[in-house]
Amino acid sequence: MLSLNRRYDSFVVPRLDEFERTHSKVRTIADLRDLIASYPSPSVFVATCLAYNDESRSATLARVVEWLTGIAGVGDYDEQMSNLERWAREARPEDHFKLGIGIFGLGSFQYLRMFLGANTTKPDIHIQRYVASCVGHPVSDTQALAVLEPAARRAGVSLRDLDTTVWEQSAR
């Protein structure tokens, strides 16, 4: 949620590094959920722990964390990670419609899947521009996915690696 339309290296990375430094005991989604709940509101948590003021993103973060807590389950760290990784591999892009969580759209959903190990792409502006340059016309996020997923399979290319390469060349 923190990285949506923000400069990753100058905005996101310092906040995440500081969070990891000051909250090193937060290892699971349930730990994060409990930490968020220890503050008067998700907005206060995000402002205090991430130096960021955005009520909408704060509320969305809290809802996503709560949803992920159910997927992770209650086992030990390894079991929870295994559950999350399995979900990421098995989920489909259209599953994001079922959530109905604020600004947590297709790009965020796909980015979360990638973060948890799925071989997919997040159809952000960089990916959309890349696909548009290949097909010769603008594409939507769903069109970008519809083009890249089968193309990567046919080419024998990791979609995650392609996403990273496109992002590195476009965003940086």
N, C-alpha and C. Protein backbone atom coordinates (compact mmCIF):
# COMPACT_ATOMS: atom_id res chain seq x y z
N MET A 1 0.83 -1.19 0.00
CA MET A 1 0.00 0.00 0.00
C MET A 1 0.87 1.25 0.00
N LEU A 2 2.00 1.14 0.63
CA LEU A 2 2.89 2.28 0.75
C LEU A 2 3.49 2.69 -0.59
N SER A 3 3.63 1.74 -1.49
CA SER A 3 4.35 2.03 -2.73
C SER A 3 3.46 2.54 -3.86
N LEU A 4 2.15 2.54 -3.68
CA LEU A 4 1.26 2.97 -4.75
C LEU A 4 1.54 4.41 -5.15
N ASN A 5 1.96 4.60 -6.37
CA ASN A 5 2.23 5.93 -6.92
C ASN A 5 3.24 6.73 -6.11
N ARG A 6 4.19 6.05 -5.53
CA ARG A 6 5.25 6.71 -4.77
C ARG A 6 6.60 6.26 -5.32
N ARG A 7 7.60 7.10 -5.16
CA ARG A 7 8.95 6.74 -5.58
C ARG A 7 9.46 5.65 -4.63
N TYR A 8 9.76 4.51 -5.20
CA TYR A 8 10.10 3.35 -4.40
C TYR A 8 11.38 3.56 -3.59
N ASP A 9 12.45 3.96 -4.27
CA ASP A 9 13.75 4.05 -3.60
C ASP A 9 13.81 5.18 -2.58
N SER A 10 13.21 6.32 -2.87
CA SER A 10 13.33 7.46 -1.97
C SER A 10 12.20 7.55 -0.94
N PHE A 11 11.05 6.94 -1.22
CA PHE A 11 9.92 7.05 -0.30
C PHE A 11 9.67 5.74 0.45
N VAL A 12 9.57 4.66 -0.27
CA VAL A 12 9.17 3.38 0.33
C VAL A 12 10.31 2.73 1.11
N VAL A 13 11.45 2.57 0.47
CA VAL A 13 12.56 1.84 1.09
C VAL A 13 12.96 2.41 2.45
N PRO A 14 13.15 3.72 2.60
CA PRO A 14 13.53 4.23 3.93
C PRO A 14 12.49 3.91 5.01
N ARG A 15 11.21 3.98 4.66
CA ARG A 15 10.16 3.70 5.63
C ARG A 15 10.14 2.22 6.02
N LEU A 16 10.30 1.36 5.04
CA LEU A 16 10.33 -0.07 5.35
C LEU A 16 11.57 -0.45 6.15
N ASP A 17 12.70 0.14 5.80
CA ASP A 17 13.93 -0.13 6.56
C ASP A 17 13.76 0.30 8.02
N GLU A 18 13.20 1.46 8.23
CA GLU A 18 12.98 1.95 9.59
C GLU A 18 11.99 1.06 10.34
N PHE A 19 10.92 0.64 9.65
CA PHE A 19 9.94 -0.24 10.28
C PHE A 19 10.61 -1.55 10.70
N GLU A 20 11.39 -2.14 9.83
CA GLU A 20 12.08 -3.39 10.16
C GLU A 20 13.03 -3.20 11.34
N ARG A 21 13.68 -2.06 11.38
CA ARG A 21 14.62 -1.79 12.47
C ARG A 21 13.89 -1.64 13.80
N THR A 22 12.79 -0.91 13.81
CA THR A 22 12.10 -0.62 15.07
C THR A 22 11.06 -1.66 15.46
N HIS A 23 10.67 -2.52 14.53
CA HIS A 23 9.65 -3.54 14.83
C HIS A 23 10.14 -4.92 14.36
N SER A 24 11.33 -5.27 14.77
CA SER A 24 11.95 -6.52 14.31
C SER A 24 11.21 -7.77 14.78
N LYS A 25 10.35 -7.65 15.77
CA LYS A 25 9.61 -8.82 16.25
C LYS A 25 8.35 -9.10 15.44
N VAL A 26 8.01 -8.19 14.55
CA VAL A 26 6.86 -8.40 13.67
C VAL A 26 7.32 -9.31 12.53
N ARG A 27 6.90 -10.57 12.60
CA ARG A 27 7.34 -11.55 11.60
C ARG A 27 6.19 -12.12 10.80
N THR A 28 5.00 -12.13 11.36
CA THR A 28 3.87 -12.74 10.67
C THR A 28 2.80 -11.68 10.40
N ILE A 29 1.87 -12.06 9.57
CA ILE A 29 0.74 -11.17 9.28
C ILE A 29 -0.06 -10.92 10.57
N ALA A 30 -0.21 -11.94 11.38
CA ALA A 30 -0.93 -11.77 12.65
C ALA A 30 -0.19 -10.79 13.56
N ASP A 31 1.15 -10.85 13.56
CA ASP A 31 1.93 -9.88 14.34
C ASP A 31 1.64 -8.46 13.86
N LEU A 32 1.60 -8.28 12.55
CA LEU A 32 1.33 -6.96 11.99
C LEU A 32 -0.09 -6.52 12.33
N ARG A 33 -1.05 -7.43 12.20
CA ARG A 33 -2.43 -7.11 12.55
C ARG A 33 -2.53 -6.66 14.00
N ASP A 34 -1.85 -7.38 14.89
CA ASP A 34 -1.89 -7.03 16.31
C ASP A 34 -1.22 -5.69 16.58
N LEU A 35 -0.14 -5.40 15.88
CA LEU A 35 0.52 -4.12 16.04
C LEU A 35 -0.39 -2.99 15.59
N ILE A 36 -1.01 -3.16 14.43
CA ILE A 36 -1.95 -2.13 13.94
C ILE A 36 -3.06 -1.92 14.96
N ALA A 37 -3.59 -3.01 15.50
CA ALA A 37 -4.69 -2.92 16.46
C ALA A 37 -4.28 -2.27 17.78
N SER A 38 -2.99 -2.23 18.07
CA SER A 38 -2.53 -1.62 19.32
C SER A 38 -2.56 -0.09 19.26
N TYR A 39 -2.82 0.46 18.10
CA TYR A 39 -2.92 1.91 17.93
C TYR A 39 -4.39 2.31 17.89
N PRO A 40 -4.70 3.56 18.18
CA PRO A 40 -6.11 4.00 18.19
C PRO A 40 -6.82 3.80 16.85
N SER A 41 -6.06 3.82 15.75
CA SER A 41 -6.65 3.61 14.43
C SER A 41 -5.53 3.21 13.46
N PRO A 42 -5.90 2.63 12.33
CA PRO A 42 -4.88 2.34 11.32
C PRO A 42 -4.13 3.59 10.87
N SER A 43 -4.81 4.72 10.82
CA SER A 43 -4.16 5.97 10.41
C SER A 43 -3.07 6.38 11.39
N VAL A 44 -3.33 6.21 12.67
CA VAL A 44 -2.33 6.55 13.68
C VAL A 44 -1.15 5.59 13.56
N PHE A 45 -1.43 4.31 13.34
CA PHE A 45 -0.35 3.34 13.12
C PHE A 45 0.53 3.76 11.95
N VAL A 46 -0.07 4.03 10.81
CA VAL A 46 0.69 4.36 9.60
C VAL A 46 1.46 5.67 9.80
N ALA A 47 0.84 6.64 10.42
CA ALA A 47 1.54 7.91 10.66
C ALA A 47 2.71 7.73 11.62
N THR A 48 2.50 6.93 12.66
CA THR A 48 3.54 6.73 13.68
C THR A 48 4.65 5.80 13.20
N CYS A 49 4.27 4.69 12.62
CA CYS A 49 5.25 3.65 12.28
C CYS A 49 5.84 3.78 10.89
N LEU A 50 5.14 4.48 10.00
CA LEU A 50 5.61 4.58 8.62
C LEU A 50 5.78 6.02 8.14
N ALA A 51 5.56 6.97 9.05
CA ALA A 51 5.71 8.39 8.73
C ALA A 51 4.95 8.76 7.46
N TYR A 52 3.70 8.35 7.44
CA TYR A 52 2.88 8.56 6.25
C TYR A 52 1.46 8.88 6.69
N ASN A 53 0.88 9.90 6.11
CA ASN A 53 -0.46 10.32 6.46
C ASN A 53 -1.40 10.16 5.27
N ASP A 54 -2.16 9.09 5.29
CA ASP A 54 -3.15 8.85 4.25
C ASP A 54 -4.20 7.93 4.84
N GLU A 55 -5.31 8.50 5.22
CA GLU A 55 -6.35 7.73 5.91
C GLU A 55 -6.90 6.59 5.05
N SER A 56 -7.10 6.85 3.77
CA SER A 56 -7.64 5.82 2.88
C SER A 56 -6.69 4.63 2.76
N ARG A 57 -5.40 4.91 2.54
CA ARG A 57 -4.43 3.83 2.43
C ARG A 57 -4.26 3.09 3.76
N SER A 58 -4.36 3.82 4.85
CA SER A 58 -4.25 3.19 6.16
C SER A 58 -5.38 2.21 6.39
N ALA A 59 -6.59 2.61 6.06
CA ALA A 59 -7.75 1.73 6.22
C ALA A 59 -7.63 0.53 5.29
N THR A 60 -7.16 0.76 4.08
CA THR A 60 -6.99 -0.34 3.13
C THR A 60 -5.93 -1.31 3.62
N LEU A 61 -4.84 -0.80 4.13
CA LEU A 61 -3.78 -1.66 4.67
C LEU A 61 -4.34 -2.55 5.77
N ALA A 62 -5.09 -1.96 6.69
CA ALA A 62 -5.65 -2.74 7.80
C ALA A 62 -6.58 -3.84 7.29
N ARG A 63 -7.39 -3.54 6.29
CA ARG A 63 -8.30 -4.55 5.74
C ARG A 63 -7.55 -5.66 5.02
N VAL A 64 -6.50 -5.30 4.26
CA VAL A 64 -5.70 -6.31 3.56
C VAL A 64 -4.99 -7.20 4.57
N VAL A 65 -4.43 -6.61 5.61
CA VAL A 65 -3.75 -7.39 6.64
C VAL A 65 -4.73 -8.34 7.32
N GLU A 66 -5.91 -7.87 7.63
CA GLU A 66 -6.92 -8.73 8.26
C GLU A 66 -7.28 -9.89 7.33
N TRP A 67 -7.49 -9.61 6.06
CA TRP A 67 -7.81 -10.65 5.07
C TRP A 67 -6.67 -11.67 4.97
N LEU A 68 -5.42 -11.18 4.89
CA LEU A 68 -4.27 -12.08 4.79
C LEU A 68 -4.08 -12.93 6.04
N THR A 69 -4.47 -12.42 7.18
CA THR A 69 -4.36 -13.18 8.42
C THR A 69 -5.18 -14.46 8.31
N GLY A 70 -6.34 -14.37 7.68
CA GLY A 70 -7.17 -15.56 7.48
C GLY A 70 -6.51 -16.56 6.55
N ILE A 71 -5.83 -16.08 5.54
CA ILE A 71 -5.13 -16.97 4.59
C ILE A 71 -3.93 -17.63 5.26
N ALA A 72 -3.19 -16.85 6.04
CA ALA A 72 -1.97 -17.36 6.69
C ALA A 72 -2.27 -18.45 7.69
N GLY A 73 -3.38 -18.35 8.38
CA GLY A 73 -3.72 -19.35 9.38
C GLY A 73 -3.01 -19.08 10.70
N VAL A 74 -3.00 -20.09 11.57
CA VAL A 74 -2.51 -19.89 12.93
C VAL A 74 -1.28 -20.74 13.27
N GLY A 75 -0.70 -21.40 12.31
CA GLY A 75 0.47 -22.23 12.58
C GLY A 75 1.70 -21.40 12.87
N ASP A 76 2.84 -22.09 12.91
CA ASP A 76 4.10 -21.38 13.13
C ASP A 76 4.45 -20.56 11.88
N TYR A 77 5.54 -19.83 11.98
CA TYR A 77 5.95 -18.93 10.90
C TYR A 77 6.04 -19.67 9.56
N ASP A 78 6.72 -20.80 9.52
CA ASP A 78 6.90 -21.54 8.27
C ASP A 78 5.57 -21.99 7.68
N GLU A 79 4.68 -22.44 8.52
CA GLU A 79 3.36 -22.88 8.04
C GLU A 79 2.57 -21.70 7.48
N GLN A 80 2.62 -20.57 8.18
CA GLN A 80 1.91 -19.39 7.70
C GLN A 80 2.47 -18.93 6.35
N MET A 81 3.79 -18.92 6.24
CA MET A 81 4.40 -18.52 4.96
C MET A 81 4.03 -19.48 3.85
N SER A 82 4.01 -20.76 4.16
CA SER A 82 3.62 -21.76 3.17
C SER A 82 2.19 -21.53 2.70
N ASN A 83 1.29 -21.22 3.63
CA ASN A 83 -0.10 -20.93 3.27
C ASN A 83 -0.20 -19.70 2.38
N LEU A 84 0.54 -18.66 2.71
CA LEU A 84 0.52 -17.44 1.90
C LEU A 84 1.11 -17.68 0.52
N GLU A 85 2.21 -18.41 0.45
CA GLU A 85 2.84 -18.70 -0.84
C GLU A 85 1.93 -19.56 -1.71
N ARG A 86 1.24 -20.53 -1.10
CA ARG A 86 0.30 -21.37 -1.85
C ARG A 86 -0.83 -20.51 -2.40
N TRP A 87 -1.37 -19.64 -1.56
CA TRP A 87 -2.43 -18.75 -2.03
C TRP A 87 -1.93 -17.93 -3.23
N ALA A 88 -0.72 -17.36 -3.12
CA ALA A 88 -0.18 -16.51 -4.19
C ALA A 88 -0.06 -17.27 -5.50
N ARG A 89 0.37 -18.52 -5.43
CA ARG A 89 0.51 -19.33 -6.65
C ARG A 89 -0.85 -19.70 -7.24
N GLU A 90 -1.83 -19.97 -6.39
CA GLU A 90 -3.12 -20.48 -6.86
C GLU A 90 -4.13 -19.38 -7.20
N ALA A 91 -3.94 -18.19 -6.66
CA ALA A 91 -4.88 -17.10 -6.91
C ALA A 91 -4.83 -16.71 -8.38
N ARG A 92 -5.88 -16.14 -8.86
CA ARG A 92 -5.98 -15.66 -10.24
C ARG A 92 -6.26 -14.15 -10.20
N PRO A 93 -5.80 -13.43 -11.20
CA PRO A 93 -5.99 -11.97 -11.20
C PRO A 93 -7.43 -11.54 -10.94
N GLU A 94 -8.39 -12.27 -11.50
CA GLU A 94 -9.79 -11.88 -11.33
C GLU A 94 -10.28 -12.05 -9.89
N ASP A 95 -9.53 -12.75 -9.06
CA ASP A 95 -9.91 -12.92 -7.65
C ASP A 95 -9.94 -11.58 -6.91
N HIS A 96 -9.23 -10.60 -7.41
CA HIS A 96 -9.20 -9.31 -6.70
C HIS A 96 -10.58 -8.67 -6.62
N PHE A 97 -11.45 -9.00 -7.58
CA PHE A 97 -12.80 -8.43 -7.56
C PHE A 97 -13.58 -8.87 -6.33
N LYS A 98 -13.30 -10.06 -5.82
CA LYS A 98 -14.03 -10.62 -4.67
C LYS A 98 -13.75 -9.85 -3.38
N LEU A 99 -12.60 -9.18 -3.33
CA LEU A 99 -12.19 -8.54 -2.08
C LEU A 99 -12.95 -7.26 -1.78
N GLY A 100 -13.08 -6.38 -2.77
CA GLY A 100 -13.76 -5.12 -2.56
C GLY A 100 -13.11 -4.28 -1.47
N ILE A 101 -11.78 -4.21 -1.49
CA ILE A 101 -11.06 -3.47 -0.46
C ILE A 101 -10.53 -2.17 -1.05
N GLY A 102 -11.24 -1.09 -0.83
CA GLY A 102 -10.79 0.26 -1.18
C GLY A 102 -9.98 0.35 -2.46
N ILE A 103 -8.81 0.93 -2.33
CA ILE A 103 -7.94 1.16 -3.48
C ILE A 103 -7.07 -0.05 -3.81
N PHE A 104 -7.37 -1.19 -3.21
CA PHE A 104 -6.61 -2.40 -3.43
C PHE A 104 -7.14 -3.09 -4.69
N GLY A 105 -6.68 -2.60 -5.82
CA GLY A 105 -7.15 -3.09 -7.10
C GLY A 105 -6.27 -4.19 -7.66
N LEU A 106 -6.38 -4.39 -8.96
CA LEU A 106 -5.67 -5.45 -9.64
C LEU A 106 -4.16 -5.32 -9.48
N GLY A 107 -3.62 -4.13 -9.67
CA GLY A 107 -2.17 -3.95 -9.55
C GLY A 107 -1.65 -4.30 -8.16
N SER A 108 -2.35 -3.84 -7.15
CA SER A 108 -1.95 -4.14 -5.77
C SER A 108 -2.07 -5.63 -5.47
N PHE A 109 -3.14 -6.23 -5.93
CA PHE A 109 -3.39 -7.65 -5.73
C PHE A 109 -2.26 -8.47 -6.37
N GLN A 110 -1.91 -8.12 -7.59
CA GLN A 110 -0.86 -8.83 -8.31
C GLN A 110 0.51 -8.60 -7.67
N TYR A 111 0.75 -7.39 -7.21
CA TYR A 111 2.02 -7.08 -6.54
C TYR A 111 2.16 -7.92 -5.27
N LEU A 112 1.07 -8.06 -4.53
CA LEU A 112 1.09 -8.90 -3.34
C LEU A 112 1.39 -10.35 -3.71
N ARG A 113 0.76 -10.84 -4.76
CA ARG A 113 1.05 -12.20 -5.21
C ARG A 113 2.52 -12.35 -5.57
N MET A 114 3.08 -11.38 -6.28
CA MET A 114 4.49 -11.43 -6.64
C MET A 114 5.36 -11.44 -5.39
N PHE A 115 5.04 -10.58 -4.45
CA PHE A 115 5.79 -10.48 -3.20
C PHE A 115 5.83 -11.82 -2.47
N LEU A 116 4.76 -12.60 -2.63
CA LEU A 116 4.65 -13.89 -1.97
C LEU A 116 5.10 -15.04 -2.88
N GLY A 117 5.75 -14.72 -4.00
CA GLY A 117 6.40 -15.73 -4.81
C GLY A 117 5.72 -16.16 -6.09
N ALA A 118 4.54 -15.63 -6.41
CA ALA A 118 3.85 -16.04 -7.64
C ALA A 118 4.60 -15.53 -8.87
N ASN A 119 4.62 -16.34 -9.90
CA ASN A 119 5.23 -15.95 -11.17
C ASN A 119 4.19 -15.21 -11.99
N THR A 120 4.06 -13.93 -11.70
CA THR A 120 3.07 -13.10 -12.38
C THR A 120 3.64 -11.69 -12.51
N THR A 121 2.82 -10.77 -12.93
CA THR A 121 3.22 -9.38 -13.06
C THR A 121 2.14 -8.48 -12.48
N LYS A 122 2.53 -7.30 -12.10
CA LYS A 122 1.56 -6.29 -11.66
C LYS A 122 1.39 -5.34 -12.84
N PRO A 123 0.19 -5.20 -13.34
CA PRO A 123 0.00 -4.37 -14.54
C PRO A 123 -0.04 -2.88 -14.21
N ASP A 124 1.09 -2.36 -13.74
CA ASP A 124 1.16 -0.93 -13.42
C ASP A 124 1.42 -0.14 -14.70
N ILE A 125 1.64 1.13 -14.56
CA ILE A 125 1.83 2.01 -15.72
C ILE A 125 3.05 1.58 -16.54
N HIS A 126 4.07 1.09 -15.89
CA HIS A 126 5.29 0.67 -16.60
C HIS A 126 5.01 -0.56 -17.48
N ILE A 127 4.30 -1.52 -16.91
CA ILE A 127 3.95 -2.73 -17.67
C ILE A 127 2.98 -2.36 -18.80
N GLN A 128 2.01 -1.50 -18.51
CA GLN A 128 1.07 -1.09 -19.55
C GLN A 128 1.79 -0.40 -20.71
N ARG A 129 2.73 0.48 -20.39
CA ARG A 129 3.49 1.15 -21.46
C ARG A 129 4.30 0.16 -22.27
N TYR A 130 4.91 -0.80 -21.58
CA TYR A 130 5.72 -1.81 -22.27
C TYR A 130 4.85 -2.61 -23.24
N VAL A 131 3.72 -3.11 -22.76
CA VAL A 131 2.83 -3.88 -23.62
C VAL A 131 2.32 -3.01 -24.77
N ALA A 132 1.96 -1.78 -24.46
CA ALA A 132 1.47 -0.87 -25.51
C ALA A 132 2.53 -0.68 -26.60
N SER A 133 3.79 -0.59 -26.19
CA SER A 133 4.86 -0.41 -27.19
C SER A 133 5.01 -1.67 -28.04
N CYS A 134 4.67 -2.82 -27.50
CA CYS A 134 4.77 -4.08 -28.25
C CYS A 134 3.59 -4.28 -29.20
N VAL A 135 2.40 -3.90 -28.75
CA VAL A 135 1.20 -4.15 -29.57
C VAL A 135 0.79 -2.94 -30.41
N GLY A 136 1.37 -1.78 -30.14
CA GLY A 136 1.12 -0.61 -30.96
C GLY A 136 -0.09 0.23 -30.60
N HIS A 137 -0.65 0.00 -29.42
CA HIS A 137 -1.78 0.82 -28.97
C HIS A 137 -1.89 0.73 -27.44
N PRO A 138 -2.52 1.71 -26.82
CA PRO A 138 -2.67 1.67 -25.36
C PRO A 138 -3.45 0.43 -24.91
N VAL A 139 -3.11 -0.05 -23.71
CA VAL A 139 -3.80 -1.21 -23.14
C VAL A 139 -4.20 -0.93 -21.69
N SER A 140 -5.24 -1.59 -21.26
CA SER A 140 -5.65 -1.49 -19.86
C SER A 140 -4.82 -2.46 -19.03
N ASP A 141 -5.01 -2.42 -17.73
CA ASP A 141 -4.27 -3.35 -16.87
C ASP A 141 -4.65 -4.80 -17.17
N THR A 142 -5.93 -5.07 -17.37
CA THR A 142 -6.33 -6.44 -17.67
C THR A 142 -5.84 -6.89 -19.05
N GLN A 143 -5.81 -5.97 -20.01
CA GLN A 143 -5.29 -6.31 -21.33
C GLN A 143 -3.79 -6.60 -21.26
N ALA A 144 -3.07 -5.83 -20.45
CA ALA A 144 -1.63 -6.05 -20.31
C ALA A 144 -1.37 -7.46 -19.77
N LEU A 145 -2.14 -7.86 -18.76
CA LEU A 145 -2.00 -9.22 -18.22
C LEU A 145 -2.35 -10.27 -19.27
N ALA A 146 -3.43 -10.03 -20.00
CA ALA A 146 -3.88 -11.00 -21.00
C ALA A 146 -2.84 -11.18 -22.11
N VAL A 147 -2.06 -10.17 -22.39
CA VAL A 147 -1.01 -10.27 -23.40
C VAL A 147 0.25 -10.91 -22.82
N LEU A 148 0.68 -10.44 -21.64
CA LEU A 148 1.96 -10.88 -21.10
C LEU A 148 1.97 -12.31 -20.58
N GLU A 149 0.91 -12.73 -19.93
CA GLU A 149 0.92 -14.08 -19.35
C GLU A 149 1.17 -15.17 -20.40
N PRO A 150 0.40 -15.22 -21.47
CA PRO A 150 0.67 -16.27 -22.46
C PRO A 150 1.97 -16.03 -23.23
N ALA A 151 2.32 -14.77 -23.46
CA ALA A 151 3.57 -14.48 -24.19
C ALA A 151 4.78 -14.96 -23.39
N ALA A 152 4.77 -14.75 -22.10
CA ALA A 152 5.89 -15.19 -21.26
C ALA A 152 5.98 -16.71 -21.25
N ARG A 153 4.82 -17.38 -21.15
CA ARG A 153 4.82 -18.85 -21.18
C ARG A 153 5.39 -19.36 -22.51
N ARG A 154 4.93 -18.79 -23.62
CA ARG A 154 5.41 -19.25 -24.94
C ARG A 154 6.90 -18.99 -25.10
N ALA A 155 7.38 -17.88 -24.56
CA ALA A 155 8.80 -17.53 -24.69
C ALA A 155 9.67 -18.24 -23.66
N GLY A 156 9.03 -18.89 -22.69
CA GLY A 156 9.80 -19.55 -21.63
C GLY A 156 10.49 -18.56 -20.72
N VAL A 157 9.85 -17.42 -20.51
CA VAL A 157 10.41 -16.34 -19.69
C VAL A 157 9.62 -16.24 -18.39
N SER A 158 10.31 -16.03 -17.30
CA SER A 158 9.64 -15.79 -16.02
C SER A 158 8.93 -14.44 -16.08
N LEU A 159 7.65 -14.46 -15.81
CA LEU A 159 6.87 -13.22 -15.83
C LEU A 159 7.33 -12.28 -14.72
N ARG A 160 7.70 -12.84 -13.58
CA ARG A 160 8.25 -12.00 -12.48
C ARG A 160 9.52 -11.30 -12.92
N ASP A 161 10.42 -12.05 -13.59
CA ASP A 161 11.67 -11.45 -14.05
C ASP A 161 11.40 -10.38 -15.10
N LEU A 162 10.46 -10.64 -16.00
CA LEU A 162 10.10 -9.65 -17.01
C LEU A 162 9.58 -8.38 -16.33
N ASP A 163 8.71 -8.55 -15.35
CA ASP A 163 8.17 -7.41 -14.61
C ASP A 163 9.31 -6.58 -14.00
N THR A 164 10.24 -7.26 -13.36
CA THR A 164 11.37 -6.57 -12.72
C THR A 164 12.20 -5.83 -13.75
N THR A 165 12.48 -6.46 -14.87
CA THR A 165 13.28 -5.83 -15.92
C THR A 165 12.58 -4.60 -16.47
N VAL A 166 11.30 -4.73 -16.77
CA VAL A 166 10.54 -3.58 -17.29
C VAL A 166 10.53 -2.46 -16.26
N TRP A 167 10.28 -2.80 -15.00
CA TRP A 167 10.22 -1.78 -13.97
C TRP A 167 11.58 -1.09 -13.80
N GLU A 168 12.65 -1.87 -13.76
CA GLU A 168 13.98 -1.30 -13.61
C GLU A 168 14.30 -0.31 -14.73
N GLN A 169 13.96 -0.67 -15.95
CA GLN A 169 14.27 0.20 -17.09
C GLN A 169 13.34 1.40 -17.17
N SER A 170 12.12 1.22 -16.74
CA SER A 170 11.14 2.31 -16.87
C SER A 170 11.11 3.24 -15.66
N ALA A 171 11.07 2.66 -14.46
CA ALA A 171 10.92 3.47 -13.25
C ALA A 171 12.22 4.11 -12.80
N ARG A 172 13.32 3.45 -13.09
CA ARG A 172 14.60 3.98 -12.63
C ARG A 172 15.30 4.62 -13.79
